[in-house]
Amino acid sequence: MTLSTPSASTTLLLVRNGQTVWHADRRYTGISDVPLTDEGRRQAGQLARWASRHPVDAIWTSTLSRAVETAEPACRALGLVPGRDPDLCECDFGAVEGRSLAEFAAQDPERAEAYRADPVINAFPGAEDPRVAAARGTTALRRIAEGHPGQRVLVVAHNTLLRLVLCELLSIPLGEYRRVFPRLVDAAVSEVQLGEEGGALLSLNLPSAPDPGP
């Protein structure tokens, strides 16, 4: 099915989920349903306060609990019922799910080096094809934009999926996603305008916490 491009630009406020129990060890969380830490819940509260100070018309999340939990305080603050889309879920990292890149490199240095050189062509063993993940994530965002023309939509999803989607929307080769977007900060906001001319990145990793000042 071909989706029509929304006639009015939609602003997508893309947010990575808050910190999880695997973040400290830099483990690939992927499709594992790992809960937020206390710090992750604090970040979710900061996001809610940010959303209360900025126009937000709708909220969407992936179906993974860490994304749902990150969005919950904002939903309560704004009185919004979130939409949930499984196509916004993180990539499946296959054999590296729950492990760090350093652990994988210690076991298989050649494949780890190939992954570093091009993480799309040389995806982890048993992992979801990043091109498939980019396509499903981009389709989900276009579907959301189509349903909210001219509005501002907060979308809580995941680090690798969102970086792949940003490359897809901005016509950046997918194999460059780790270099061009090294990291999306937990619960930070990246603003994308999606309309007839495609996608435009307006901001990246905008902190949801208030500026503490001097």
Protein backbone atom coordinates (compact mmCIF):
# COMPACT_ATOMS: atom_id res chain seq x y z
CA MET A 1 0.00 0.00 0.00
CA THR A 2 1.31 3.45 -0.89
CA LEU A 3 0.76 6.10 1.76
CA SER A 4 -0.06 9.62 0.65
CA THR A 5 2.14 12.44 1.92
CA PRO A 6 0.27 14.72 4.33
CA SER A 7 -0.81 17.98 2.70
CA ALA A 8 0.31 20.00 5.74
CA SER A 9 3.68 19.50 7.39
CA THR A 10 3.61 17.55 10.66
CA THR A 11 6.20 18.18 13.34
CA LEU A 12 7.45 14.95 14.88
CA LEU A 13 9.15 15.27 18.27
CA LEU A 14 11.26 12.12 18.30
CA VAL A 15 12.36 10.86 21.72
CA ARG A 16 14.55 7.96 22.71
CA ASN A 17 13.27 6.02 25.73
CA GLY A 18 14.72 6.81 29.15
CA GLN A 19 17.62 4.96 30.73
CA THR A 20 17.20 1.21 31.26
CA VAL A 21 19.03 -1.25 33.48
CA TRP A 22 21.25 -2.26 30.54
CA HIS A 23 22.37 1.26 29.61
CA ALA A 24 25.20 1.48 32.14
CA ASP A 25 26.95 -1.48 30.50
CA ARG A 26 26.12 -0.28 26.97
CA ARG A 27 24.23 -3.47 26.24
CA TYR A 28 22.08 -3.76 23.12
CA THR A 29 18.53 -3.85 24.45
CA GLY A 30 16.71 -4.38 21.16
CA ILE A 31 13.41 -6.21 21.45
CA SER A 32 14.10 -7.30 25.05
CA ASP A 33 11.52 -5.68 27.31
CA VAL A 34 13.93 -4.18 29.82
CA PRO A 35 12.48 -1.74 32.42
CA LEU A 36 13.56 1.81 33.14
CA THR A 37 15.89 2.61 36.02
CA ASP A 38 15.05 5.24 38.63
CA GLU A 39 17.09 7.62 36.48
CA GLY A 40 15.01 6.65 33.45
CA ARG A 41 11.82 7.44 35.34
CA ARG A 42 13.29 10.77 36.40
CA GLN A 43 14.05 11.49 32.73
CA ALA A 44 10.45 10.63 31.87
CA GLY A 45 9.31 13.20 34.41
CA GLN A 46 11.60 15.80 32.83
CA LEU A 47 10.11 14.99 29.43
CA ALA A 48 6.62 15.54 30.85
CA ARG A 49 7.63 18.95 32.13
CA TRP A 50 9.14 19.81 28.74
CA ALA A 51 5.95 18.69 26.97
CA SER A 52 3.89 20.86 29.32
CA ARG A 53 5.85 23.91 28.17
CA HIS A 54 5.65 23.16 24.44
CA PRO A 55 2.74 22.51 22.06
CA VAL A 56 2.04 18.77 21.75
CA ASP A 57 -1.15 17.57 20.06
CA ALA A 58 -0.69 13.80 20.23
CA ILE A 59 1.64 11.15 21.62
CA TRP A 60 2.71 7.86 20.05
CA THR A 61 5.02 5.15 21.38
CA SER A 62 6.38 1.77 20.47
CA THR A 63 4.79 -1.17 22.26
CA LEU A 64 7.90 -1.88 24.35
CA SER A 65 7.38 -1.04 28.03
CA ARG A 66 10.40 1.27 28.27
CA ALA A 67 8.91 3.55 25.61
CA VAL A 68 5.41 3.38 27.09
CA GLU A 69 6.77 4.17 30.58
CA THR A 70 8.85 7.08 29.25
CA ALA A 71 5.75 8.62 27.68
CA GLU A 72 3.33 8.02 30.58
CA PRO A 73 4.11 11.18 32.63
CA ALA A 74 3.73 13.37 29.52
CA CYS A 75 0.42 11.68 28.70
CA ARG A 76 -0.87 12.38 32.22
CA ALA A 77 0.37 15.97 32.16
CA LEU A 78 -1.30 16.70 28.83
CA GLY A 79 -4.40 14.55 29.28
CA LEU A 80 -3.60 12.57 26.12
CA VAL A 81 -4.18 8.89 25.37
CA PRO A 82 -1.12 7.58 23.52
CA GLY A 83 -1.23 5.62 20.32
CA ARG A 84 1.01 2.55 20.18
CA ASP A 85 2.62 1.14 17.05
CA PRO A 86 4.72 -2.06 17.01
CA ASP A 87 6.54 -0.74 13.93
CA LEU A 88 8.22 1.79 16.24
CA CYS A 89 9.89 -0.98 18.27
CA GLU A 90 13.66 -1.23 18.42
CA CYS A 91 15.63 -3.43 16.04
CA ASP A 92 16.20 -7.04 16.99
CA PHE A 93 19.97 -7.35 17.52
CA GLY A 94 20.05 -11.11 17.21
CA ALA A 95 23.12 -12.75 18.76
CA VAL A 96 24.17 -9.47 20.41
CA GLU A 97 20.87 -8.86 22.18
CA GLY A 98 21.69 -8.17 25.82
CA ARG A 99 25.43 -7.94 25.14
CA SER A 100 27.83 -5.07 24.55
CA LEU A 101 29.81 -4.49 21.37
CA ALA A 102 32.99 -5.01 23.41
CA GLU A 103 31.80 -8.47 24.47
CA PHE A 104 30.93 -9.35 20.89
CA ALA A 105 34.32 -8.08 19.69
CA ALA A 106 36.11 -10.25 22.24
CA GLN A 107 34.30 -13.30 20.87
CA ASP A 108 34.39 -12.44 17.15
CA PRO A 109 36.74 -9.50 16.42
CA GLU A 110 36.47 -9.80 12.63
CA ARG A 111 32.68 -9.57 12.57
CA ALA A 112 32.73 -6.76 15.11
CA GLU A 113 35.17 -4.79 12.96
CA ALA A 114 33.01 -5.42 9.88
CA TYR A 115 30.00 -4.13 11.83
CA ARG A 116 31.87 -0.98 12.79
CA ALA A 117 32.79 -0.42 9.12
CA ASP A 118 29.21 -0.83 7.87
CA PRO A 119 26.53 -1.78 10.41
CA VAL A 120 23.90 -2.27 7.71
CA ILE A 121 25.69 -4.61 5.30
CA ASN A 122 27.41 -6.36 8.23
CA ALA A 123 24.57 -6.51 10.74
CA PHE A 124 24.94 -8.76 13.78
CA PRO A 125 24.30 -12.51 13.34
CA GLY A 126 20.58 -13.25 13.48
CA ALA A 127 19.68 -9.54 13.68
CA GLU A 128 16.85 -7.80 11.87
CA ASP A 129 18.02 -6.34 8.57
CA PRO A 130 18.54 -2.63 9.34
CA ARG A 131 17.05 -1.76 5.95
CA VAL A 132 13.84 -3.53 6.93
CA ALA A 133 13.84 -1.75 10.31
CA ALA A 134 14.37 1.63 8.63
CA ALA A 135 11.51 0.97 6.22
CA ARG A 136 9.01 -0.08 8.90
CA GLY A 137 9.97 2.80 11.19
CA THR A 138 9.74 5.36 8.39
CA THR A 139 6.39 3.97 7.28
CA ALA A 140 5.13 4.24 10.86
CA LEU A 141 6.17 7.90 11.10
CA ARG A 142 4.59 8.73 7.76
CA ARG A 143 1.41 6.98 8.90
CA ILE A 144 1.42 9.04 12.10
CA ALA A 145 2.07 12.25 10.15
CA GLU A 146 -0.77 11.41 7.77
CA GLY A 147 -3.10 11.08 10.77
CA HIS A 148 -1.99 14.38 12.32
CA PRO A 149 -1.49 16.89 9.48
CA GLY A 150 -0.27 20.26 10.69
CA GLN A 151 0.09 19.04 14.28
CA ARG A 152 2.98 18.39 16.69
CA VAL A 153 3.34 14.76 17.70
CA LEU A 154 5.59 13.39 20.42
CA VAL A 155 6.93 9.97 19.35
CA VAL A 156 8.79 7.85 21.92
CA ALA A 157 10.82 5.06 20.35
CA HIS A 158 14.41 3.80 20.42
CA ASN A 159 18.01 4.70 19.70
CA THR A 160 18.97 2.61 16.69
CA LEU A 161 15.56 2.61 15.04
CA LEU A 162 15.29 6.40 15.24
CA ARG A 163 18.80 6.91 13.87
CA LEU A 164 18.02 4.65 10.92
CA VAL A 165 14.75 6.48 10.31
CA LEU A 166 16.47 9.87 10.47
CA CYS A 167 18.88 8.70 7.77
CA GLU A 168 15.99 7.43 5.66
CA LEU A 169 14.04 10.68 5.99
CA LEU A 170 17.08 12.87 5.31
CA SER A 171 18.44 10.83 2.37
CA ILE A 172 21.59 9.82 4.27
CA PRO A 173 23.02 6.37 3.44
CA LEU A 174 21.84 3.95 6.11
CA GLY A 175 25.33 2.55 6.60
CA GLU A 176 26.38 5.96 7.97
CA TYR A 177 23.87 6.06 10.80
CA ARG A 178 26.38 5.36 13.59
CA ARG A 179 28.77 8.03 12.30
CA VAL A 180 26.25 10.76 11.48
CA PHE A 181 24.10 10.15 14.57
CA PRO A 182 26.50 8.66 17.16
CA ARG A 183 23.86 8.66 19.88
CA LEU A 184 20.43 9.91 20.73
CA VAL A 185 20.40 11.13 24.32
CA ASP A 186 17.96 9.45 26.70
CA ALA A 187 14.59 11.27 26.73
CA ALA A 188 15.96 14.16 24.64
CA VAL A 189 13.87 15.61 21.80
CA SER A 190 14.82 15.67 18.12
CA GLU A 191 12.44 17.71 15.99
CA VAL A 192 11.63 16.66 12.43
CA GLN A 193 9.25 18.33 10.02
CA LEU A 194 7.61 15.89 7.65
CA GLY A 195 5.65 17.15 4.66
CA GLU A 196 5.33 17.11 0.89
CA GLU A 197 9.03 17.86 0.37
CA GLY A 198 10.09 15.02 2.66
CA GLY A 199 11.79 15.34 6.03
CA ALA A 200 13.75 18.23 7.54
CA LEU A 201 15.71 18.00 10.79
CA LEU A 202 15.04 21.10 12.91
CA SER A 203 16.85 20.09 16.11
CA LEU A 204 18.78 17.14 17.53
CA ASN A 205 19.05 15.97 21.14
CA LEU A 206 17.28 18.98 22.60
CA PRO A 207 17.45 18.46 26.38
CA SER A 208 14.08 17.92 28.01
CA ALA A 209 15.48 19.07 31.37
CA PRO A 210 15.34 22.82 32.03
CA ASP A 211 18.53 24.77 31.58
CA PRO A 212 19.98 25.19 35.10
CA GLY A 213 21.49 28.53 34.08
CA PRO A 214 24.82 29.96 35.27
